[in-house]
Protein backbone atom coordinates (compact mmCIF):
# COMPACT_ATOMS: atom_id res chain seq x y z
CA MET A 1 -16.49 12.39 -22.75
CA SER A 2 -13.09 10.97 -21.93
CA ARG A 3 -10.00 12.50 -23.48
CA HIS A 4 -7.47 10.35 -25.26
CA LEU A 5 -3.89 10.64 -24.06
CA ASP A 6 -0.93 9.55 -26.15
CA LEU A 7 1.87 8.53 -23.79
CA SER A 8 4.33 7.42 -26.46
CA ILE A 9 6.76 10.15 -25.43
CA PHE A 10 6.05 9.93 -21.71
CA ASN A 11 8.63 8.92 -19.15
CA TYR A 12 8.60 8.33 -15.41
CA LYS A 13 8.33 12.02 -14.55
CA SER A 14 5.38 12.32 -16.89
CA PHE A 15 3.54 9.65 -14.96
CA GLN A 16 4.41 11.37 -11.70
CA ALA A 17 2.69 14.46 -13.03
CA ILE A 18 -0.64 12.70 -13.54
CA ASP A 19 -3.09 14.31 -11.11
CA ALA A 20 -6.75 14.07 -10.34
CA GLU A 21 -7.66 16.23 -13.33
CA GLY A 22 -5.97 13.81 -15.71
CA MET A 23 -7.36 10.59 -14.36
CA ASP A 24 -10.23 10.62 -16.84
CA MET A 25 -7.79 10.46 -19.75
CA GLU A 26 -7.46 7.25 -21.73
CA ILE A 27 -4.19 5.66 -22.80
CA ASP A 28 -3.74 4.05 -26.19
CA LEU A 29 -1.45 1.14 -25.39
CA SER A 30 -0.71 0.54 -29.05
CA ASN A 31 1.27 3.81 -29.12
CA LEU A 32 3.32 3.03 -26.02
CA GLY A 33 6.78 1.58 -26.08
CA THR A 34 7.93 -1.15 -23.72
CA VAL A 35 9.31 1.25 -21.11
CA ASN A 36 6.21 3.46 -21.00
CA THR A 37 3.95 0.41 -20.92
CA MET A 38 5.95 -0.82 -17.94
CA PHE A 39 5.42 2.49 -16.14
CA ALA A 40 1.71 2.38 -16.93
CA ALA A 41 1.49 -1.16 -15.56
CA LEU A 42 3.38 -0.11 -12.44
CA PHE A 43 1.10 2.80 -11.71
CA SER A 44 -1.95 0.65 -12.36
CA LYS A 45 -0.59 -1.90 -9.88
CA LEU A 46 -0.17 0.87 -7.33
CA GLY A 47 -3.83 1.75 -7.64
CA VAL A 48 -3.80 4.62 -10.13
CA PRO A 49 -6.98 4.17 -12.22
CA ILE A 50 -5.47 4.35 -15.70
CA LYS A 51 -8.07 4.02 -18.42
CA THR A 52 -7.12 2.39 -21.70
CA THR A 53 -8.69 2.80 -25.11
CA ILE A 54 -9.83 -0.01 -27.35
CA SER A 55 -7.46 -0.72 -30.20
CA ALA A 56 -8.42 1.08 -33.38
CA ASN A 57 -7.81 -2.14 -35.32
CA VAL A 58 -10.45 -3.99 -33.29
CA LEU A 59 -13.02 -1.23 -33.75
CA GLU A 60 -12.28 -0.98 -37.47
CA GLU A 61 -12.62 -4.73 -38.03
CA ALA A 62 -15.91 -4.71 -36.14
CA LEU A 63 -17.25 -1.84 -38.25
CA ASN A 64 -16.23 -3.67 -41.40
CA GLY A 65 -17.91 -6.85 -40.18
CA THR A 66 -14.72 -8.86 -40.72
CA VAL A 67 -14.53 -10.26 -37.20
CA THR A 68 -15.14 -13.90 -36.32
CA VAL A 69 -18.22 -14.33 -34.12
CA ARG A 70 -18.53 -17.47 -31.99
CA PRO A 71 -21.98 -18.57 -30.75
CA LEU A 72 -22.70 -18.27 -27.04
CA PRO A 73 -26.02 -20.00 -26.33
CA ILE A 74 -28.09 -18.86 -23.33
CA GLY A 75 -27.26 -20.90 -20.25
CA THR A 76 -23.73 -21.76 -21.37
CA SER A 77 -20.22 -20.46 -20.73
CA VAL A 78 -17.02 -20.29 -22.76
CA SER A 79 -13.49 -19.96 -21.42
CA GLY A 80 -10.49 -18.69 -23.34
CA LYS A 81 -7.40 -16.54 -23.55
CA VAL A 82 -7.25 -13.32 -25.51
CA GLU A 83 -4.10 -11.48 -26.49
CA LYS A 84 -3.60 -7.91 -25.28
CA GLN A 85 -5.36 -5.33 -27.47
CA CYS A 86 -7.30 -8.09 -29.22
CA ALA A 87 -10.91 -9.22 -28.85
CA HIS A 88 -12.95 -12.41 -28.98
CA PHE A 89 -16.48 -11.90 -30.36
CA PHE A 90 -19.56 -13.87 -29.31
CA GLY A 91 -23.10 -13.95 -30.63
CA VAL A 92 -25.95 -14.39 -28.13
CA THR A 93 -29.26 -15.29 -29.76
CA ILE A 94 -32.46 -14.81 -27.71
CA ASN A 95 -36.15 -15.37 -28.39
CA ASP A 96 -39.11 -13.21 -27.36
CA GLN A 97 -39.64 -14.94 -24.02
CA GLN A 98 -36.01 -14.63 -23.08
CA ALA A 99 -35.90 -11.02 -24.19
CA GLU A 100 -38.97 -10.26 -22.07
CA ALA A 101 -37.51 -12.00 -19.03
CA GLY A 102 -34.17 -10.24 -19.35
CA ILE A 103 -30.61 -11.23 -20.22
CA VAL A 104 -27.37 -11.16 -18.25
CA VAL A 105 -23.88 -11.48 -19.77
CA ARG A 106 -20.95 -11.74 -17.38
CA VAL A 107 -17.20 -12.29 -17.69
CA THR A 108 -14.91 -13.40 -14.87
CA SER A 109 -11.20 -14.11 -14.57
CA THR A 110 -9.77 -16.23 -11.76
CA ALA A 111 -6.32 -15.07 -12.89
CA GLN A 112 -7.44 -11.49 -12.14
CA SER A 113 -6.74 -10.42 -15.72
CA LYS A 114 -7.69 -6.98 -16.93
CA PHE A 115 -10.27 -7.02 -19.71
CA LYS A 116 -13.24 -5.17 -21.15
CA LEU A 117 -16.70 -6.53 -21.85
CA LEU A 118 -18.02 -4.93 -25.04
CA TYR A 119 -21.50 -4.80 -26.58
CA PHE A 120 -21.92 -4.01 -30.29
CA GLU A 121 -25.00 -3.02 -32.22
CA GLN A 122 -25.35 -4.05 -35.86
CA ASP A 123 -25.47 -1.16 -38.32
CA THR A 124 -27.06 -0.95 -41.75
CA ASN A 125 -23.81 -1.84 -43.50
CA GLY A 126 -23.58 -5.21 -41.80
CA GLY A 127 -20.85 -4.11 -39.43
CA TYR A 128 -20.90 -3.70 -35.66
CA GLY A 129 -20.61 -0.41 -33.83
CA LEU A 130 -19.52 -0.22 -30.20
CA ALA A 131 -22.49 0.66 -27.95
CA LEU A 132 -21.41 -0.28 -24.39
CA GLN A 133 -18.26 -1.22 -22.58
CA GLU A 134 -17.50 -2.32 -19.02
CA ASP A 135 -14.02 -2.44 -17.56
CA SER A 136 -13.20 -5.35 -15.30
CA GLU A 137 -13.16 -4.70 -11.56
CA LYS A 138 -11.62 -6.74 -8.81
CA THR A 139 -14.38 -8.43 -6.82
CA GLY A 140 -12.99 -10.70 -4.14
CA LYS A 141 -10.45 -13.11 -5.62
CA VAL A 142 -11.49 -12.56 -9.24
CA THR A 143 -11.92 -9.74 -11.72
CA SER A 144 -15.33 -9.43 -13.32
CA ALA A 145 -17.57 -7.33 -15.53
CA GLY A 146 -21.23 -7.72 -16.36
CA MET A 147 -24.09 -6.31 -18.39
CA TYR A 148 -27.65 -6.63 -17.06
CA PHE A 149 -30.59 -6.13 -19.42
CA LEU A 150 -33.46 -6.53 -16.94
CA HIS A 151 -36.10 -3.99 -18.11
CA PHE A 152 -35.39 -1.62 -15.24
CA GLN A 153 -32.64 0.90 -14.71
CA VAL A 154 -29.46 -0.80 -13.58
CA TYR A 155 -26.22 0.89 -12.58
CA ARG A 156 -22.52 0.32 -13.00
CA MET A 157 -19.78 1.40 -10.63
CA ASP A 158 -17.14 3.62 -12.24
CA SER A 159 -14.13 3.34 -9.94
CA THR A 160 -12.31 6.08 -11.83
CA LEU A 161 -14.85 8.67 -10.71
CA ASN A 162 -14.38 7.50 -7.14
CA ALA A 163 -10.60 7.76 -7.46
CA ILE A 164 -10.80 11.28 -8.90
CA ALA A 165 -13.08 12.46 -6.10
CA ILE A 166 -10.87 10.87 -3.46
CA ALA A 167 -7.69 12.30 -5.00
CA LYS A 168 -9.15 15.79 -4.86
CA ASP A 169 -10.10 15.38 -1.21
CA PRO A 170 -8.63 12.28 0.50
CA GLU A 171 -10.52 13.02 3.72
CA SER A 172 -13.81 12.57 1.91
CA ALA A 173 -13.02 9.04 0.68
CA PHE A 174 -15.90 7.50 2.61
CA PHE A 175 -18.42 10.02 1.34
CA LYS A 176 -17.33 9.53 -2.27
CA ARG A 177 -17.51 5.74 -2.38
CA LEU A 178 -20.93 5.77 -4.02
CA GLU A 179 -20.32 8.65 -6.42
CA GLY A 180 -19.11 6.24 -9.12
CA LEU A 181 -22.54 4.61 -9.41
CA GLN A 182 -23.70 5.51 -12.92
CA PRO A 183 -26.83 4.44 -14.86
CA CYS A 184 -26.34 2.02 -17.74
CA GLU A 185 -27.45 3.31 -21.12
CA VAL A 186 -29.29 0.14 -22.25
CA SER A 187 -31.75 -1.68 -20.00
CA GLU A 188 -33.28 -4.27 -22.36
CA LEU A 189 -32.59 -6.30 -25.49
CA LYS A 190 -35.00 -7.36 -28.19
CA ALA A 191 -35.22 -10.84 -29.68
CA GLY A 192 -32.43 -11.63 -32.12
CA THR A 193 -28.65 -12.06 -32.12
CA HIS A 194 -26.55 -9.67 -30.08
CA ILE A 195 -22.80 -9.29 -30.34
CA PHE A 196 -20.54 -9.19 -27.29
CA ALA A 197 -16.77 -9.27 -27.08
CA VAL A 198 -14.04 -9.81 -24.49
CA TYR A 199 -11.14 -7.40 -25.04
CA GLY A 200 -7.68 -8.18 -23.61
CA ASP A 201 -6.67 -5.20 -21.48
CA ASN A 202 -3.53 -6.50 -19.77
CA PHE A 203 -0.39 -4.45 -20.30
CA PHE A 204 1.81 -7.42 -21.23
CA LYS A 205 0.17 -10.82 -20.77
CA THR A 206 -2.80 -12.48 -22.41
CA ALA A 207 -6.07 -12.28 -20.49
CA THR A 208 -7.78 -15.45 -19.36
CA TYR A 209 -11.55 -15.28 -18.99
CA THR A 210 -14.87 -17.12 -18.79
CA ILE A 211 -17.93 -15.57 -20.43
CA GLU A 212 -21.49 -16.73 -19.81
CA ALA A 213 -24.96 -15.69 -20.97
CA LEU A 214 -28.01 -16.19 -18.72
CA CYS A 215 -31.74 -15.70 -18.93
CA ALA A 216 -33.04 -13.76 -15.93
CA LYS A 217 -36.18 -15.94 -15.84
CA SER A 218 -34.33 -18.40 -13.63
CA TYR A 219 -33.03 -15.57 -11.43
CA GLU A 220 -36.17 -13.52 -10.75
CA ASP A 221 -35.42 -13.29 -7.02
CA ASN A 222 -31.90 -12.10 -7.73
CA SER A 223 -33.18 -9.55 -10.24
CA GLN A 224 -35.57 -8.11 -7.65
CA LYS A 225 -32.81 -8.08 -5.04
CA LEU A 226 -30.56 -6.18 -7.46
CA LYS A 227 -33.30 -3.64 -8.08
CA ASP A 228 -33.91 -3.18 -4.36
CA ILE A 229 -30.24 -2.96 -3.37
CA GLU A 230 -29.42 -0.40 -6.04
CA ALA A 231 -32.41 1.68 -4.90
CA GLN A 232 -31.01 1.53 -1.37
CA ILE A 233 -27.58 2.53 -2.60
CA LEU A 234 -29.04 5.54 -4.41
CA ARG A 235 -30.87 6.62 -1.25
CA LYS A 236 -27.72 6.08 0.78
CA ARG A 237 -25.72 8.18 -1.67
CA LYS A 238 -28.18 11.03 -1.20
CA GLU A 239 -28.03 10.62 2.58
CA LEU A 240 -24.23 10.65 2.52
CA ARG A 241 -24.21 13.88 0.52
CA GLU A 242 -26.40 15.50 3.17
CA PHE A 243 -24.53 13.92 6.04
CA GLU A 244 -21.20 15.11 4.65
CA ILE A 245 -22.37 18.70 5.07
CA GLU A 246 -23.31 18.04 8.70
CA TYR A 247 -20.08 16.15 9.27
CA ARG A 248 -17.97 18.98 7.86
CA LYS A 249 -19.68 21.48 10.16
CA ALA A 250 -19.30 19.20 13.18
CA LEU A 251 -15.66 18.55 12.29
CA ALA A 252 -15.01 22.28 12.04
CA ARG A 253 -16.59 22.81 15.46
CA PHE A 254 -14.58 19.95 16.88
CA GLN A 255 -11.34 21.35 15.50
CA GLU A 256 -12.24 24.75 16.88
CA ALA A 257 -12.95 23.21 20.30
CA THR A 258 -9.71 21.21 20.13
CA ASN A 259 -7.71 24.34 19.34
CA ARG A 260 -9.38 26.19 22.19
CA TYR A 261 -8.69 23.26 24.51
CA SER A 262 -4.98 23.48 23.71
CA GLN A 263 -4.98 27.25 24.21
CA GLU A 264 -6.90 27.08 27.48
CA LYS A 265 -4.67 24.30 28.79
CA GLN A 266 -1.58 26.35 27.99
CA SER A 267 -3.11 29.41 29.63
CA VAL A 268 -4.03 27.52 32.82
CA ASP A 269 -0.59 25.92 33.01
CA GLU A 270 1.04 29.33 32.69
CA LEU A 271 -1.19 30.91 35.37
CA LEU A 272 -0.49 28.09 37.82
CA LYS A 273 3.22 28.36 37.08
CA GLN A 274 3.15 32.07 37.88
CA ARG A 275 1.16 31.37 41.05
CA ASP A 276 3.74 28.83 42.20
CA ALA A 277 6.51 31.33 41.53
CA ILE A 278 4.75 33.95 43.66
CA HIS A 279 4.24 31.42 46.46
CA SER A 280 7.92 30.59 46.31
CA SER A 281 8.85 34.27 46.75
CA PHE A 282 7.34 34.26 50.26
CA THR A 283 10.43 32.89 52.10
CA VAL A 284 12.98 34.08 54.71
CA THR A 285 15.73 31.85 53.48
CA LYS A 286 17.29 34.52 51.33
CA THR A 287 16.82 37.29 54.03
CA LEU A 288 18.41 35.27 56.84
CA SER A 289 21.40 34.43 54.76
CA THR A 290 21.93 38.07 53.87
CA SER A 291 21.50 39.23 57.50
CA SER A 292 23.95 36.65 58.79
CA VAL A 293 26.61 37.71 56.36
CA SER A 294 26.02 41.40 57.07
CA GLY A 295 26.16 40.83 60.89
CA ASN A 296 29.44 38.99 60.68
CA ASN A 297 31.00 41.71 58.56
CA LEU A 298 29.75 44.41 60.95
CA SER A 299 31.16 42.60 64.04
CA ASN A 300 34.52 42.00 62.46
CA GLY A 301 34.83 45.58 61.30
CA SER A 302 33.93 47.35 64.60
CA SER A 303 36.26 45.56 66.98
CA SER A 304 40.07 45.24 67.00
CA LYS A 305 40.28 43.30 70.22
CA VAL A 306 42.05 40.04 70.44
CA PRO A 307 39.65 37.18 71.06
CA GLY A 308 39.35 36.47 74.78
CA GLU A 309 40.47 39.99 75.80
CA ASP A 310 37.00 41.01 76.99
CA SER A 311 36.86 38.16 79.48
CA LYS A 312 40.13 39.20 81.05
CA GLY A 313 39.00 42.79 81.66
CA GLU A 314 35.78 41.84 83.39
CA SER A 315 35.60 41.97 87.22
CA PRO A 316 35.51 38.72 89.14
CA ALA A 317 32.15 39.60 90.59
CA GLU A 318 30.61 40.03 87.20
CA ASP A 319 32.23 36.87 86.07
CA GLY A 320 30.41 34.96 88.77
CA SER A 321 33.26 32.49 89.29
CA SER A 322 34.40 31.13 92.72
CA ASP A 323 37.75 32.85 92.30
CA GLY A 324 36.06 36.17 92.28
CA LYS A 325 34.23 35.47 95.50
CA ASP A 326 37.42 34.33 97.23
CA LYS A 327 39.34 37.43 96.19
CA SER A 328 36.55 39.68 97.40
CA ALA A 329 36.45 37.89 100.74
CA LYS A 330 40.16 38.23 101.19
CA LYS A 331 39.97 41.93 100.40
CA LYS A 332 37.38 42.45 103.08
CA TRP A 333 39.42 40.37 105.59
CA PHE A 334 42.42 42.66 105.35
CA ASN A 335 40.27 45.70 105.93
CA LEU A 336 38.85 44.42 109.26
CA ASN A 337 39.06 46.69 112.29
CA LEU A 338 40.53 44.24 114.75
CA LYS A 339 40.15 46.51 117.77
CA GLY A 340 36.49 47.12 117.15
CA SER A 341 35.94 43.48 116.75
CA ASP A 342 37.58 42.67 120.03
CA LYS A 343 35.55 45.12 121.92
CA LYS A 344 32.32 43.78 120.58
CA ALA A 345 33.42 40.29 121.29
CA VAL A 346 34.12 41.17 124.88
């Protein structure tokens, strides 16, 4: 059962504090001031599923039977505007054949107003007690709400349950899309007059709407399609619950593999970097440079000769120059034994 939340003393920070656990609370707009109503409207516009309660005055008037009920014949529609926190009541009278075929009551708003579709049961005191309610949902370019009494179990989509599940785990949004599908409490109506109402649920403006009542006899194909599609949705919801388990396990394995990939890549990069550094250490560039410097220092430190002095002290013969040969020849010429030479010549 939903909890009722009085926000009459709430401010902006209070709305910021609303979390997934508090999304199933209901706000009584009649107790809100202008500022708090503005904040509620803002958060609703931003997508926060804020539930609102039905005005106590409306419920009390219905119980007392003092409300005005307008007829809504089967196969007709009525358009109107209802003030916020007020309701327009309609009586739908059906015969046995129509009751057996099934009844559909729908409300739409091209202005995308927020409203509630209410169904009341008559009590022994002549008043009307609230039995069912459907909040409007945005469907395409309109907002709409409907009640389907088709003699088989039909379902309604509670978007608040979806929002709570998604808020608790945003990553599971896809898997939770069908969790809001809930069975409707009433599946058929008996012959007689049944009371419905359109409740204005806008925060500030009046709600514009069109309500229509239909006999399902003319929509047998659609009724069967609805039954089949909801059965498929239920099966799909079960499949998604099972698939989510598999997906979570696969995702965990993927994340583990991704983490290992990063670690292995870093490890390989580091090993190759070290290998390149070792390769680079095999070089003579640094050794040659050091040897050259050391050789120059050793040569400069072991000799005090003036440059060019060694060449002057060398013998002409060792020098290998022509001057050396000439000097040697002259030396030999002056040492000739002239007498011996003459004798041999003679």
